[in-house]
Amino acid sequence: MEWIDFLKVMIVDEKGAIVKYKQAAASATDPGLKKMFTEMMEEEKIHVNIIEDKIEQLKKKNK
């Protein structure tokens, strides 16, 4: 598998986690759990950005 393809799969996984944490935060009645799920969702968004940046770097390197 090419690394760019691998990273694209990882983005799909990260976005899936974002959806799950968003749903969990919306369902949580405990403020601490709601905060934790929201923070975890935000961390996954950061991961998506990091991976997207790495894909762009690899594309430029492979030109």
N, C-alpha and C. Protein backbone atom coordinates (compact mmCIF):
# COMPACT_ATOMS: atom_id res chain seq x y z
N MET A 1 0.85 -1.18 0.00
CA MET A 1 0.00 0.00 0.00
C MET A 1 0.89 1.24 0.00
N GLU A 2 0.52 2.18 -0.82
CA GLU A 2 1.24 3.45 -0.84
C GLU A 2 0.93 4.23 0.44
N TRP A 3 1.90 5.00 0.91
CA TRP A 3 1.71 5.74 2.16
C TRP A 3 0.58 6.74 2.08
N ILE A 4 0.43 7.40 0.94
CA ILE A 4 -0.66 8.38 0.81
C ILE A 4 -2.01 7.67 0.94
N ASP A 5 -2.13 6.51 0.32
CA ASP A 5 -3.38 5.75 0.43
C ASP A 5 -3.63 5.32 1.87
N PHE A 6 -2.58 4.90 2.54
CA PHE A 6 -2.69 4.51 3.95
C PHE A 6 -3.18 5.68 4.78
N LEU A 7 -2.59 6.84 4.56
CA LEU A 7 -2.97 8.03 5.33
C LEU A 7 -4.41 8.45 5.04
N LYS A 8 -4.86 8.27 3.81
CA LYS A 8 -6.25 8.57 3.49
C LYS A 8 -7.20 7.66 4.26
N VAL A 9 -6.83 6.40 4.42
CA VAL A 9 -7.64 5.47 5.22
C VAL A 9 -7.66 5.94 6.68
N MET A 10 -6.52 6.41 7.16
CA MET A 10 -6.45 6.90 8.53
C MET A 10 -7.36 8.11 8.74
N ILE A 11 -7.46 8.97 7.73
CA ILE A 11 -8.37 10.12 7.83
C ILE A 11 -9.81 9.64 7.98
N VAL A 12 -10.18 8.62 7.22
CA VAL A 12 -11.54 8.07 7.33
C VAL A 12 -11.77 7.57 8.76
N ASP A 13 -10.78 6.86 9.31
CA ASP A 13 -10.89 6.36 10.69
C ASP A 13 -11.04 7.51 11.69
N GLU A 14 -10.22 8.54 11.53
CA GLU A 14 -10.27 9.68 12.45
C GLU A 14 -11.62 10.39 12.36
N LYS A 15 -12.13 10.55 11.14
CA LYS A 15 -13.43 11.21 10.97
C LYS A 15 -14.55 10.37 11.58
N GLY A 16 -14.42 9.05 11.50
CA GLY A 16 -15.39 8.17 12.15
C GLY A 16 -15.38 8.36 13.65
N ALA A 17 -14.18 8.52 14.21
CA ALA A 17 -14.06 8.76 15.65
C ALA A 17 -14.68 10.10 16.03
N ILE A 18 -14.51 11.10 15.17
CA ILE A 18 -15.11 12.41 15.44
C ILE A 18 -16.63 12.27 15.57
N VAL A 19 -17.23 11.55 14.65
CA VAL A 19 -18.69 11.35 14.68
C VAL A 19 -19.10 10.64 15.97
N LYS A 20 -18.37 9.61 16.35
CA LYS A 20 -18.71 8.85 17.57
C LYS A 20 -18.60 9.71 18.81
N TYR A 21 -17.50 10.49 18.92
CA TYR A 21 -17.33 11.34 20.09
C TYR A 21 -18.38 12.45 20.12
N LYS A 22 -18.74 12.97 18.96
CA LYS A 22 -19.78 14.01 18.89
C LYS A 22 -21.12 13.46 19.39
N GLN A 23 -21.45 12.25 18.94
CA GLN A 23 -22.68 11.61 19.38
C GLN A 23 -22.65 11.34 20.89
N ALA A 24 -21.51 10.87 21.37
CA ALA A 24 -21.38 10.58 22.79
C ALA A 24 -21.53 11.86 23.62
N ALA A 25 -20.91 12.94 23.15
CA ALA A 25 -21.01 14.22 23.87
C ALA A 25 -22.45 14.71 23.89
N ALA A 26 -23.14 14.54 22.78
CA ALA A 26 -24.53 14.99 22.71
C ALA A 26 -25.44 14.16 23.63
N SER A 27 -25.08 12.89 23.82
CA SER A 27 -25.90 12.00 24.64
C SER A 27 -25.57 12.06 26.12
N ALA A 28 -24.37 12.49 26.44
CA ALA A 28 -23.92 12.48 27.83
C ALA A 28 -24.68 13.52 28.66
N THR A 29 -25.13 13.08 29.81
CA THR A 29 -25.79 14.02 30.72
C THR A 29 -24.82 14.50 31.80
N ASP A 30 -23.79 13.73 32.04
CA ASP A 30 -22.77 14.11 33.02
C ASP A 30 -21.86 15.16 32.39
N PRO A 31 -21.73 16.32 33.01
CA PRO A 31 -20.90 17.38 32.44
C PRO A 31 -19.44 16.96 32.21
N GLY A 32 -18.92 16.16 33.11
CA GLY A 32 -17.53 15.70 32.97
C GLY A 32 -17.35 14.81 31.75
N LEU A 33 -18.31 13.91 31.53
CA LEU A 33 -18.25 13.04 30.35
C LEU A 33 -18.44 13.86 29.08
N LYS A 34 -19.39 14.78 29.10
CA LYS A 34 -19.62 15.64 27.94
C LYS A 34 -18.35 16.39 27.57
N LYS A 35 -17.67 16.92 28.57
CA LYS A 35 -16.43 17.66 28.34
C LYS A 35 -15.34 16.74 27.78
N MET A 36 -15.22 15.55 28.36
CA MET A 36 -14.21 14.61 27.91
C MET A 36 -14.44 14.21 26.45
N PHE A 37 -15.69 13.88 26.09
CA PHE A 37 -15.98 13.49 24.72
C PHE A 37 -15.75 14.64 23.75
N THR A 38 -16.09 15.84 24.16
CA THR A 38 -15.86 17.01 23.32
C THR A 38 -14.37 17.24 23.10
N GLU A 39 -13.59 17.12 24.15
CA GLU A 39 -12.14 17.27 24.03
C GLU A 39 -11.54 16.20 23.12
N MET A 40 -12.02 14.98 23.26
CA MET A 40 -11.51 13.90 22.42
C MET A 40 -11.88 14.13 20.96
N MET A 41 -13.08 14.64 20.71
CA MET A 41 -13.49 14.97 19.36
C MET A 41 -12.57 16.03 18.76
N GLU A 42 -12.24 17.04 19.54
CA GLU A 42 -11.35 18.10 19.06
C GLU A 42 -9.95 17.56 18.77
N GLU A 43 -9.47 16.63 19.58
CA GLU A 43 -8.17 16.01 19.32
C GLU A 43 -8.18 15.24 18.00
N GLU A 44 -9.26 14.56 17.71
CA GLU A 44 -9.36 13.83 16.45
C GLU A 44 -9.33 14.79 15.26
N LYS A 45 -9.94 15.96 15.41
CA LYS A 45 -9.89 16.97 14.35
C LYS A 45 -8.46 17.41 14.10
N ILE A 46 -7.70 17.55 15.16
CA ILE A 46 -6.28 17.91 15.03
C ILE A 46 -5.54 16.81 14.27
N HIS A 47 -5.84 15.56 14.59
CA HIS A 47 -5.19 14.44 13.91
C HIS A 47 -5.49 14.48 12.40
N VAL A 48 -6.74 14.79 12.05
CA VAL A 48 -7.10 14.88 10.63
C VAL A 48 -6.24 15.95 9.95
N ASN A 49 -6.10 17.11 10.59
CA ASN A 49 -5.30 18.19 10.01
C ASN A 49 -3.84 17.78 9.84
N ILE A 50 -3.30 17.10 10.84
CA ILE A 50 -1.91 16.64 10.77
C ILE A 50 -1.72 15.68 9.61
N ILE A 51 -2.64 14.73 9.48
CA ILE A 51 -2.54 13.74 8.42
C ILE A 51 -2.69 14.39 7.05
N GLU A 52 -3.64 15.32 6.92
CA GLU A 52 -3.82 16.02 5.65
C GLU A 52 -2.56 16.79 5.27
N ASP A 53 -1.92 17.43 6.24
CA ASP A 53 -0.67 18.15 5.99
C ASP A 53 0.42 17.19 5.53
N LYS A 54 0.50 16.02 6.15
CA LYS A 54 1.52 15.04 5.78
C LYS A 54 1.28 14.53 4.37
N ILE A 55 0.02 14.33 4.00
CA ILE A 55 -0.29 13.91 2.63
C ILE A 55 0.21 14.95 1.63
N GLU A 56 -0.04 16.22 1.91
CA GLU A 56 0.41 17.29 1.02
C GLU A 56 1.94 17.31 0.92
N GLN A 57 2.60 17.11 2.03
CA GLN A 57 4.08 17.06 2.02
C GLN A 57 4.57 15.91 1.15
N LEU A 58 3.95 14.75 1.28
CA LEU A 58 4.36 13.58 0.49
C LEU A 58 4.08 13.80 -0.99
N LYS A 59 2.97 14.44 -1.31
CA LYS A 59 2.65 14.73 -2.72
C LYS A 59 3.71 15.65 -3.33
N LYS A 60 4.10 16.68 -2.58
CA LYS A 60 5.12 17.61 -3.07
C LYS A 60 6.47 16.91 -3.23
N LYS A 61 6.78 16.04 -2.30
CA LYS A 61 8.06 15.32 -2.32
C LYS A 61 8.12 14.35 -3.51
N ASN A 62 6.98 13.78 -3.87
CA ASN A 62 6.93 12.77 -4.93
C ASN A 62 6.79 13.35 -6.33
N LYS A 63 6.72 14.67 -6.44
CA LYS A 63 6.59 15.29 -7.77
C LYS A 63 7.88 15.18 -8.53
